PDB file of N, CA and C in Angstrom:
ATOM      1  N   MET A   1      -4.141  -3.433 -12.919  1.00  0.00           N
ATOM      2  CA  MET A   1      -2.754  -3.355 -12.563  1.00  0.00           C
ATOM      3  C   MET A   1      -2.616  -3.691 -11.086  1.00  0.00           C
ATOM      4  N   LYS A   2      -1.693  -4.590 -10.787  1.00  0.00           N
ATOM      5  CA  LYS A   2      -1.429  -4.990  -9.415  1.00  0.00           C
ATOM      6  C   LYS A   2      -0.203  -4.239  -8.916  1.00  0.00           C
ATOM      7  N   THR A   3      -0.281  -3.722  -7.689  1.00  0.00           N
ATOM      8  CA  THR A   3       0.816  -2.956  -7.100  1.00  0.00           C
ATOM      9  C   THR A   3       0.949  -3.332  -5.637  1.00  0.00           C
ATOM     10  N   PHE A   4       2.187  -3.541  -5.203  1.00  0.00           N
ATOM     11  CA  PHE A   4       2.475  -3.675  -3.777  1.00  0.00           C
ATOM     12  C   PHE A   4       2.956  -2.321  -3.286  1.00  0.00           C
ATOM     13  N   VAL A   5       2.504  -1.929  -2.115  1.00  0.00           N
ATOM     14  CA  VAL A   5       2.930  -0.673  -1.509  1.00  0.00           C
ATOM     15  C   VAL A   5       3.416  -0.989  -0.099  1.00  0.00           C
ATOM     16  N   ILE A   6       4.662  -0.609   0.180  1.00  0.00           N
ATOM     17  CA  ILE A   6       5.244  -0.805   1.504  1.00  0.00           C
ATOM     18  C   ILE A   6       5.186   0.528   2.230  1.00  0.00           C
ATOM     19  N   LEU A   7       4.594   0.514   3.411  1.00  0.00           N
ATOM     20  CA  LEU A   7       4.458   1.712   4.235  1.00  0.00           C
ATOM     21  C   LEU A   7       5.231   1.502   5.531  1.00  0.00           C
ATOM     22  N   THR A   8       6.199   2.370   5.810  1.00  0.00           N
ATOM     23  CA  THR A   8       6.973   2.283   7.045  1.00  0.00           C
ATOM     24  C   THR A   8       6.953   3.628   7.748  1.00  0.00           C
ATOM     25  N   ARG A   9       7.027   3.577   9.049  1.00  0.00           N
ATOM     26  CA  ARG A   9       6.946   4.786   9.867  1.00  0.00           C
ATOM     27  C   ARG A   9       8.206   5.628   9.710  1.00  0.00           C
ATOM     28  N   ARG A  10       8.011   6.918   9.543  1.00  0.00           N
ATOM     29  CA  ARG A  10       9.131   7.849   9.503  1.00  0.00           C
ATOM     30  C   ARG A  10       9.660   8.034  10.922  1.00  0.00           C
ATOM     31  N   ALA A  11      10.963   8.158  11.060  1.00  0.00           N
ATOM     32  CA  ALA A  11      11.574   8.312  12.385  1.00  0.00           C
ATOM     33  C   ALA A  11      11.057   9.556  13.100  1.00  0.00           C
ATOM     34  N   ASP A  12      10.726  10.589  12.337  1.00  0.00           N
ATOM     35  CA  ASP A  12      10.257  11.829  12.951  1.00  0.00           C
ATOM     36  C   ASP A  12       8.733  11.889  13.098  1.00  0.00           C
ATOM     37  N   GLY A  13       8.043  10.782  12.820  1.00  0.00           N
ATOM     38  CA  GLY A  13       6.586  10.738  12.961  1.00  0.00           C
ATOM     39  C   GLY A  13       6.191  10.701  14.430  1.00  0.00           C
ATOM     40  N   ALA A  14       5.403  11.648  14.851  1.00  0.00           N
ATOM     41  CA  ALA A  14       5.006  11.748  16.254  1.00  0.00           C
ATOM     42  C   ALA A  14       4.004  10.655  16.616  1.00  0.00           C
ATOM     43  N   ALA A  15       4.261   9.977  17.727  1.00  0.00           N
ATOM     44  CA  ALA A  15       3.389   8.899  18.190  1.00  0.00           C
ATOM     45  C   ALA A  15       1.965   9.398  18.430  1.00  0.00           C
ATOM     46  N   GLU A  16       1.825  10.634  18.935  1.00  0.00           N
ATOM     47  CA  GLU A  16       0.480  11.156  19.199  1.00  0.00           C
ATOM     48  C   GLU A  16      -0.293  11.385  17.900  1.00  0.00           C
ATOM     49  N   ASP A  17       0.400  11.743  16.822  1.00  0.00           N
ATOM     50  CA  ASP A  17      -0.269  11.887  15.525  1.00  0.00           C
ATOM     51  C   ASP A  17      -0.727  10.532  14.991  1.00  0.00           C
ATOM     52  N   LEU A  18       0.107   9.518  15.163  1.00  0.00           N
ATOM     53  CA  LEU A  18      -0.274   8.174  14.725  1.00  0.00           C
ATOM     54  C   LEU A  18      -1.497   7.692  15.499  1.00  0.00           C
ATOM     55  N   LYS A  19      -1.492   7.917  16.790  1.00  0.00           N
ATOM     56  CA  LYS A  19      -2.628   7.491  17.626  1.00  0.00           C
ATOM     57  C   LYS A  19      -3.901   8.245  17.241  1.00  0.00           C
ATOM     58  N   ARG A  20      -3.784   9.547  17.042  1.00  0.00           N
ATOM     59  CA  ARG A  20      -4.939  10.386  16.708  1.00  0.00           C
ATOM     60  C   ARG A  20      -5.552   9.997  15.371  1.00  0.00           C
ATOM     61  N   LEU A  21      -4.728   9.569  14.426  1.00  0.00           N
ATOM     62  CA  LEU A  21      -5.215   9.259  13.081  1.00  0.00           C
ATOM     63  C   LEU A  21      -5.444   7.766  12.835  1.00  0.00           C
ATOM     64  N   ALA A  22      -5.276   6.936  13.850  1.00  0.00           N
ATOM     65  CA  ALA A  22      -5.385   5.486  13.669  1.00  0.00           C
ATOM     66  C   ALA A  22      -6.756   5.069  13.132  1.00  0.00           C
ATOM     67  N   LYS A  23      -7.824   5.573  13.719  1.00  0.00           N
ATOM     68  CA  LYS A  23      -9.156   5.164  13.268  1.00  0.00           C
ATOM     69  C   LYS A  23      -9.439   5.637  11.835  1.00  0.00           C
ATOM     70  N   PRO A  24      -9.179   6.911  11.480  1.00  0.00           N
ATOM     71  CA  PRO A  24      -9.386   7.315  10.086  1.00  0.00           C
ATOM     72  C   PRO A  24      -8.527   6.510   9.104  1.00  0.00           C
ATOM     73  N   GLU A  25      -7.333   6.142   9.524  1.00  0.00           N
ATOM     74  CA  GLU A  25      -6.446   5.339   8.657  1.00  0.00           C
ATOM     75  C   GLU A  25      -7.070   3.973   8.378  1.00  0.00           C
ATOM     76  N   VAL A  26      -7.526   3.302   9.426  1.00  0.00           N
ATOM     77  CA  VAL A  26      -8.128   1.976   9.278  1.00  0.00           C
ATOM     78  C   VAL A  26      -9.416   2.063   8.460  1.00  0.00           C
ATOM     79  N   LEU A  27     -10.205   3.090   8.670  1.00  0.00           N
ATOM     80  CA  LEU A  27     -11.441   3.261   7.895  1.00  0.00           C
ATOM     81  C   LEU A  27     -11.147   3.469   6.409  1.00  0.00           C
ATOM     82  N   HIS A  28     -10.088   4.209   6.096  1.00  0.00           N
ATOM     83  CA  HIS A  28      -9.714   4.425   4.694  1.00  0.00           C
ATOM     84  C   HIS A  28      -9.310   3.093   4.046  1.00  0.00           C
ATOM     85  N   VAL A  29      -8.547   2.291   4.771  1.00  0.00           N
ATOM     86  CA  VAL A  29      -8.157   0.980   4.237  1.00  0.00           C
ATOM     87  C   VAL A  29      -9.389   0.089   4.075  1.00  0.00           C
ATOM     88  N   TRP A  30     -10.286   0.119   5.050  1.00  0.00           N
ATOM     89  CA  TRP A  30     -11.503  -0.688   4.958  1.00  0.00           C
ATOM     90  C   TRP A  30     -12.338  -0.281   3.741  1.00  0.00           C
ATOM     91  N   ARG A  31     -12.443   1.022   3.494  1.00  0.00           N
ATOM     92  CA  ARG A  31     -13.168   1.490   2.305  1.00  0.00           C
ATOM     93  C   ARG A  31     -12.466   1.015   1.029  1.00  0.00           C
ATOM     94  N   GLY A  32     -11.145   0.926   1.077  1.00  0.00           N
ATOM     95  CA  GLY A  32     -10.395   0.400  -0.069  1.00  0.00           C
ATOM     96  C   GLY A  32     -10.768  -1.046  -0.363  1.00  0.00           C
ATOM     97  N   PHE A  33     -10.971  -1.847   0.686  1.00  0.00           N
ATOM     98  CA  PHE A  33     -11.444  -3.227   0.496  1.00  0.00           C
ATOM     99  C   PHE A  33     -12.836  -3.213  -0.134  1.00  0.00           C
ATOM    100  N   ALA A  34     -13.709  -2.390   0.418  1.00  0.00           N
ATOM    101  CA  ALA A  34     -15.086  -2.331  -0.082  1.00  0.00           C
ATOM    102  C   ALA A  34     -15.149  -1.862  -1.534  1.00  0.00           C
ATOM    103  N   ASP A  35     -14.256  -0.953  -1.909  1.00  0.00           N
ATOM    104  CA  ASP A  35     -14.222  -0.439  -3.279  1.00  0.00           C
ATOM    105  C   ASP A  35     -13.474  -1.357  -4.245  1.00  0.00           C
ATOM    106  N   GLY A  36     -12.772  -2.343  -3.707  1.00  0.00           N
ATOM    107  CA  GLY A  36     -12.084  -3.314  -4.559  1.00  0.00           C
ATOM    108  C   GLY A  36     -10.653  -2.965  -4.932  1.00  0.00           C
ATOM    109  N   ILE A  37     -10.112  -1.857  -4.445  1.00  0.00           N
ATOM    110  CA  ILE A  37      -8.727  -1.525  -4.778  1.00  0.00           C
ATOM    111  C   ILE A  37      -7.742  -2.238  -3.843  1.00  0.00           C
ATOM    112  N   VAL A  38      -8.131  -2.430  -2.579  1.00  0.00           N
ATOM    113  CA  VAL A  38      -7.271  -3.144  -1.631  1.00  0.00           C
ATOM    114  C   VAL A  38      -7.619  -4.613  -1.689  1.00  0.00           C
ATOM    115  N   ARG A  39      -6.611  -5.438  -1.965  1.00  0.00           N
ATOM    116  CA  ARG A  39      -6.811  -6.890  -2.033  1.00  0.00           C
ATOM    117  C   ARG A  39      -6.304  -7.599  -0.783  1.00  0.00           C
ATOM    118  N   ALA A  40      -5.242  -7.058  -0.165  1.00  0.00           N
ATOM    119  CA  ALA A  40      -4.689  -7.677   1.040  1.00  0.00           C
ATOM    120  C   ALA A  40      -3.839  -6.659   1.782  1.00  0.00           C
ATOM    121  N   VAL A  41      -3.756  -6.829   3.097  1.00  0.00           N
ATOM    122  CA  VAL A  41      -2.895  -5.999   3.940  1.00  0.00           C
ATOM    123  C   VAL A  41      -2.131  -6.937   4.859  1.00  0.00           C
ATOM    124  N   HIS A  42      -0.832  -6.694   4.973  1.00  0.00           N
ATOM    125  CA  HIS A  42       0.024  -7.512   5.833  1.00  0.00           C
ATOM    126  C   HIS A  42       0.889  -6.601   6.688  1.00  0.00           C
ATOM    127  N   GLY A  43       1.174  -7.023   7.921  1.00  0.00           N
ATOM    128  CA  GLY A  43       2.170  -6.347   8.739  1.00  0.00           C
ATOM    129  C   GLY A  43       3.552  -6.771   8.278  1.00  0.00           C
ATOM    130  N   LEU A  44       4.552  -5.994   8.627  1.00  0.00           N
ATOM    131  CA  LEU A  44       5.929  -6.327   8.273  1.00  0.00           C
ATOM    132  C   LEU A  44       6.563  -7.120   9.406  1.00  0.00           C
ATOM    133  N   ALA A  45       7.236  -8.205   9.075  1.00  0.00           N
ATOM    134  CA  ALA A  45       7.846  -9.069  10.085  1.00  0.00           C
ATOM    135  C   ALA A  45       9.043  -8.416  10.760  1.00  0.00           C
ATOM    136  N   ASP A  46       9.702  -7.494  10.076  1.00  0.00           N
ATOM    137  CA  ASP A  46      10.942  -6.935  10.622  1.00  0.00           C
ATOM    138  C   ASP A  46      10.786  -5.554  11.255  1.00  0.00           C
ATOM    139  N   GLY A  47       9.563  -5.132  11.546  1.00  0.00           N
ATOM    140  CA  GLY A  47       9.376  -3.847  12.202  1.00  0.00           C
ATOM    141  C   GLY A  47       8.014  -3.263  11.925  1.00  0.00           C
ATOM    142  N   PRO A  48       7.770  -2.043  12.441  1.00  0.00           N
ATOM    143  CA  PRO A  48       6.466  -1.420  12.236  1.00  0.00           C
ATOM    144  C   PRO A  48       6.260  -1.030  10.777  1.00  0.00           C
ATOM    145  N   GLY A  49       5.060  -1.239  10.314  1.00  0.00           N
ATOM    146  CA  GLY A  49       4.713  -0.885   8.945  1.00  0.00           C
ATOM    147  C   GLY A  49       3.736  -1.886   8.378  1.00  0.00           C
ATOM    148  N   ALA A  50       3.420  -1.695   7.109  1.00  0.00           N
ATOM    149  CA  ALA A  50       2.460  -2.573   6.449  1.00  0.00           C
ATOM    150  C   ALA A  50       2.790  -2.691   4.973  1.00  0.00           C
ATOM    151  N   ALA A  51       2.334  -3.795   4.388  1.00  0.00           N
ATOM    152  CA  ALA A  51       2.423  -4.003   2.940  1.00  0.00           C
ATOM    153  C   ALA A  51       1.004  -4.177   2.439  1.00  0.00           C
ATOM    154  N   LEU A  52       0.642  -3.366   1.458  1.00  0.00           N
ATOM    155  CA  LEU A  52      -0.688  -3.443   0.869  1.00  0.00           C
ATOM    156  C   LEU A  52      -0.585  -3.983  -0.545  1.00  0.00           C
ATOM    157  N   GLU A  53      -1.474  -4.894  -0.878  1.00  0.00           N
ATOM    158  CA  GLU A  53      -1.598  -5.377  -2.253  1.00  0.00           C
ATOM    159  C   GLU A  53      -2.820  -4.680  -2.831  1.00  0.00           C
ATOM    160  N   LEU A  54      -2.581  -3.888  -3.889  1.00  0.00           N
ATOM    161  CA  LEU A  54      -3.649  -3.113  -4.499  1.00  0.00           C
ATOM    162  C   LEU A  54      -3.851  -3.552  -5.940  1.00  0.00           C
ATOM    163  N   GLU A  55      -5.078  -3.412  -6.419  1.00  0.00           N
ATOM    164  CA  GLU A  55      -5.379  -3.709  -7.811  1.00  0.00           C
ATOM    165  C   GLU A  55      -6.287  -2.613  -8.347  1.00  0.00           C
ATOM    166  N   SER A  56      -5.871  -2.043  -9.480  1.00  0.00           N
ATOM    167  CA  SER A  56      -6.622  -0.939 -10.072  1.00  0.00           C
ATOM    168  C   SER A  56      -6.398  -0.923 -11.574  1.00  0.00           C
ATOM    169  N   GLY A  57      -7.081  -0.015 -12.243  1.00  0.00           N
ATOM    170  CA  GLY A  57      -6.919   0.127 -13.684  1.00  0.00           C
ATOM    171  C   GLY A  57      -5.614   0.800 -14.063  1.00  0.00           C
ATOM    172  N   THR A  58      -5.164   1.751 -13.216  1.00  0.00           N
ATOM    173  CA  THR A  58      -3.947   2.499 -13.529  1.00  0.00           C
ATOM    174  C   THR A  58      -3.116   2.708 -12.266  1.00  0.00           C
ATOM    175  N   PHE A  59      -1.843   3.010 -12.482  1.00  0.00           N
ATOM    176  CA  PHE A  59      -0.960   3.335 -11.369  1.00  0.00           C
ATOM    177  C   PHE A  59      -1.398   4.640 -10.698  1.00  0.00           C
ATOM    178  N   GLU A  60      -1.935   5.571 -11.459  1.00  0.00           N
ATOM    179  CA  GLU A  60      -2.400   6.837 -10.890  1.00  0.00           C
ATOM    180  C   GLU A  60      -3.527   6.614  -9.876  1.00  0.00           C
ATOM    181  N   GLU A  61      -4.398   5.633 -10.118  1.00  0.00           N
ATOM    182  CA  GLU A  61      -5.453   5.310  -9.148  1.00  0.00           C
ATOM    183  C   GLU A  61      -4.833   4.818  -7.842  1.00  0.00           C
ATOM    184  N   VAL A  62      -3.793   4.016  -7.949  1.00  0.00           N
ATOM    185  CA  VAL A  62      -3.088   3.532  -6.749  1.00  0.00           C
ATOM    186  C   VAL A  62      -2.481   4.715  -6.000  1.00  0.00           C
ATOM    187  N   ARG A  63      -1.767   5.565  -6.717  1.00  0.00           N
ATOM    188  CA  ARG A  63      -1.115   6.720  -6.085  1.00  0.00           C
ATOM    189  C   ARG A  63      -2.166   7.610  -5.407  1.00  0.00           C
ATOM    190  N   HIS A  64      -3.278   7.853  -6.077  1.00  0.00           N
ATOM    191  CA  HIS A  64      -4.347   8.685  -5.512  1.00  0.00           C
ATOM    192  C   HIS A  64      -4.880   8.064  -4.220  1.00  0.00           C
ATOM    193  N   TYR A  65      -5.107   6.760  -4.227  1.00  0.00           N
ATOM    194  CA  TYR A  65      -5.610   6.077  -3.032  1.00  0.00           C
ATOM    195  C   TYR A  65      -4.611   6.193  -1.876  1.00  0.00           C
ATOM    196  N   ILE A  66      -3.348   5.897  -2.154  1.00  0.00           N
ATOM    197  CA  ILE A  66      -2.322   5.925  -1.103  1.00  0.00           C
ATOM    198  C   ILE A  66      -2.119   7.336  -0.568  1.00  0.00           C
ATOM    199  N   GLU A  67      -2.086   8.320  -1.442  1.00  0.00           N
ATOM    200  CA  GLU A  67      -1.874   9.701  -0.994  1.00  0.00           C
ATOM    201  C   GLU A  67      -3.037  10.231  -0.162  1.00  0.00           C
ATOM    202  N   ALA A  68      -4.187   9.568  -0.223  1.00  0.00           N
ATOM    203  CA  ALA A  68      -5.341   9.969   0.585  1.00  0.00           C
ATOM    204  C   ALA A  68      -5.347   9.314   1.969  1.00  0.00           C
ATOM    205  N   LEU A  69      -4.424   8.378   2.222  1.00  0.00           N
ATOM    206  CA  LEU A  69      -4.333   7.789   3.559  1.00  0.00           C
ATOM    207  C   LEU A  69      -3.975   8.886   4.565  1.00  0.00           C
ATOM    208  N   PRO A  70      -4.661   8.958   5.694  1.00  0.00           N
ATOM    209  CA  PRO A  70      -4.374  10.011   6.670  1.00  0.00           C
ATOM    210  C   PRO A  70      -2.907  10.056   7.119  1.00  0.00           C
ATOM    211  N   TYR A  71      -2.291   8.903   7.346  1.00  0.00           N
ATOM    212  CA  TYR A  71      -0.881   8.890   7.756  1.00  0.00           C
ATOM    213  C   TYR A  71       0.018   9.441   6.659  1.00  0.00           C
ATOM    214  N   VAL A  72      -0.288   9.127   5.415  1.00  0.00           N
ATOM    215  CA  VAL A  72       0.521   9.614   4.294  1.00  0.00           C
ATOM    216  C   VAL A  72       0.300  11.111   4.115  1.00  0.00           C
ATOM    217  N   LYS A  73      -0.945  11.549   4.220  1.00  0.00           N
ATOM    218  CA  LYS A  73      -1.255  12.979   4.091  1.00  0.00           C
ATOM    219  C   LYS A  73      -0.498  13.810   5.128  1.00  0.00           C
ATOM    220  N   GLN A  74      -0.283  13.242   6.311  1.00  0.00           N
ATOM    221  CA  GLN A  74       0.424  13.950   7.383  1.00  0.00           C
ATOM    222  C   GLN A  74       1.939  13.688   7.354  1.00  0.00           C
ATOM    223  N   ASN A  75       2.401  13.000   6.313  1.00  0.00           N
ATOM    224  CA  ASN A  75       3.833  12.722   6.128  1.00  0.00           C
ATOM    225  C   ASN A  75       4.425  11.913   7.293  1.00  0.00           C
ATOM    226  N   LEU A  76       3.648  10.955   7.797  1.00  0.00           N
ATOM    227  CA  LEU A  76       4.101  10.113   8.896  1.00  0.00           C
ATOM    228  C   LEU A  76       4.733   8.811   8.413  1.00  0.00           C
ATOM    229  N   LEU A  77       4.585   8.506   7.126  1.00  0.00           N
ATOM    230  CA  LEU A  77       5.071   7.238   6.586  1.00  0.00           C
ATOM    231  C   LEU A  77       5.958   7.448   5.366  1.00  0.00           C
ATOM    232  N   HIS A  78       6.921   6.524   5.207  1.00  0.00           N
ATOM    233  CA  HIS A  78       7.644   6.396   3.946  1.00  0.00           C
ATOM    234  C   HIS A  78       6.790   5.487   3.068  1.00  0.00           C
ATOM    235  N   VAL A  79       6.698   5.800   1.788  1.00  0.00           N
ATOM    236  CA  VAL A  79       5.893   5.014   0.854  1.00  0.00           C
ATOM    237  C   VAL A  79       6.803   4.485  -0.251  1.00  0.00           C
ATOM    238  N   GLN A  80       6.740   3.177  -0.471  1.00  0.00           N
ATOM    239  CA  GLN A  80       7.495   2.552  -1.560  1.00  0.00           C
ATOM    240  C   GLN A  80       6.513   1.804  -2.450  1.00  0.00           C
ATOM    241  N   TYR A  81       6.454   2.188  -3.717  1.00  0.00           N
ATOM    242  CA  TYR A  81       5.563   1.548  -4.681  1.00  0.00           C
ATOM    243  C   TYR A  81       6.335   0.480  -5.450  1.00  0.00           C
ATOM    244  N   CYS A  82       5.662  -0.617  -5.714  1.00  0.00           N
ATOM    245  CA  CYS A  82       6.236  -1.684  -6.535  1.00  0.00           C
ATOM    246  C   CYS A  82       5.142  -2.159  -7.499  1.00  0.00           C
ATOM    247  N   ALA A  83       5.103  -1.532  -8.681  1.00  0.00           N
ATOM    248  CA  ALA A  83       4.120  -1.918  -9.698  1.00  0.00           C
ATOM    249  C   ALA A  83       4.539  -3.257 -10.299  1.00  0.00           C
ATOM    250  N   LEU A  84       3.580  -4.135 -10.503  1.00  0.00           N
ATOM    251  CA  LEU A  84       3.867  -5.480 -10.987  1.00  0.00           C
ATOM    252  C   LEU A  84       3.384  -5.665 -12.423  1.00  0.00           C
ATOM    253  N   LYS A  85       3.959  -6.649 -13.085  1.00  0.00           N
ATOM    254  CA  LYS A  85       3.534  -7.048 -14.425  1.00  0.00           C
ATOM    255  C   LYS A  85       3.496  -8.567 -14.454  1.00  0.00           C
ATOM    256  N   PRO A  86       2.825  -9.154 -15.427  1.00  0.00           N
ATOM    257  CA  PRO A  86       2.795 -10.619 -15.506  1.00  0.00           C
ATOM    258  C   PRO A  86       4.215 -11.170 -15.681  1.00  0.00           C
ATOM    259  N   PHE A  87       4.491 -12.282 -15.030  1.00  0.00           N
ATOM    260  CA  PHE A  87       5.797 -12.930 -15.142  1.00  0.00           C
ATOM    261  C   PHE A  87       5.859 -13.690 -16.450  1.00  0.00           C
ATOM    262  N   SER A  88       6.882 -13.405 -17.238  1.00  0.00           N
ATOM    263  CA  SER A  88       6.991 -14.046 -18.551  1.00  0.00           C
ATOM    264  C   SER A  88       8.153 -15.024 -18.645  1.00  0.00           C
ATOM    265  N   GLY A  89       8.760 -15.373 -17.534  1.00  0.00           N
ATOM    266  CA  GLY A  89       9.930 -16.249 -17.535  1.00  0.00           C
ATOM    267  C   GLY A  89       9.668 -17.660 -18.000  1.00  0.00           C
ATOM    268  N   TYR A  90       8.431 -18.096 -17.971  1.00  0.00           N
ATOM    269  CA  TYR A  90       8.109 -19.455 -18.374  1.00  0.00           C
ATOM    270  C   TYR A  90       7.959 -19.609 -19.891  1.00  0.00           C
ATOM    271  N   GLU A  91       7.845 -18.510 -20.606  1.00  0.00           N
ATOM    272  CA  GLU A  91       7.621 -18.571 -22.045  1.00  0.00           C
ATOM    273  C   GLU A  91       8.714 -19.355 -22.775  1.00  0.00           C
ATOM    274  N   GLY A  92       9.955 -19.128 -22.390  1.00  0.00           N
ATOM    275  CA  GLY A  92      11.071 -19.832 -23.030  1.00  0.00           C
ATOM    276  C   GLY A  92      11.022 -21.332 -22.822  1.00  0.00           C
ATOM    277  N   LEU A  93      10.576 -21.758 -21.682  1.00  0.00           N
ATOM    278  CA  LEU A  93      10.485 -23.199 -21.407  1.00  0.00           C
ATOM    279  C   LEU A  93       9.402 -23.860 -22.231  1.00  0.00           C
ATOM    280  N   LEU A  94       8.325 -23.158 -22.487  1.00  0.00           N
ATOM    281  CA  LEU A  94       7.184 -23.750 -23.162  1.00  0.00           C
ATOM    282  C   LEU A  94       7.241 -23.614 -24.680  1.00  0.00           C
ATOM    283  N   SER A  95       8.127 -22.770 -25.207  1.00  0.00           N
ATOM    284  CA  SER A  95       8.175 -22.556 -26.655  1.00  0.00           C
ATOM    285  C   SER A  95       9.060 -23.545 -27.379  1.00  0.00           C
ATOM    286  N   SER A  96       9.815 -24.398 -26.711  1.00  0.00           N
ATOM    287  CA  SER A  96      10.696 -25.351 -27.403  1.00  0.00           C
ATOM    288  C   SER A  96       9.964 -26.562 -27.897  1.00  0.00           C
TER     289      SER A  96
END
């Protein structure tokens, strides 16, 4: 299952907490790459935050991974999940 996760900073997130947890946060994402759940990470063009492309067997695996991020555990980020499915819009064009 492929999932995009958008992470944005909460307005009440303390800058010192973000700084203190930066290295553990990056290490958790790096371990996600090594374990194969993280496929890509992108910064957001319109402000602070990140978009992660994740791939796993279930949505619960994605949620478990994201909830273990140090910034998420400390409630410093808003989390938006976007679970994906195969696009089937081309089927109608090819069935005629």
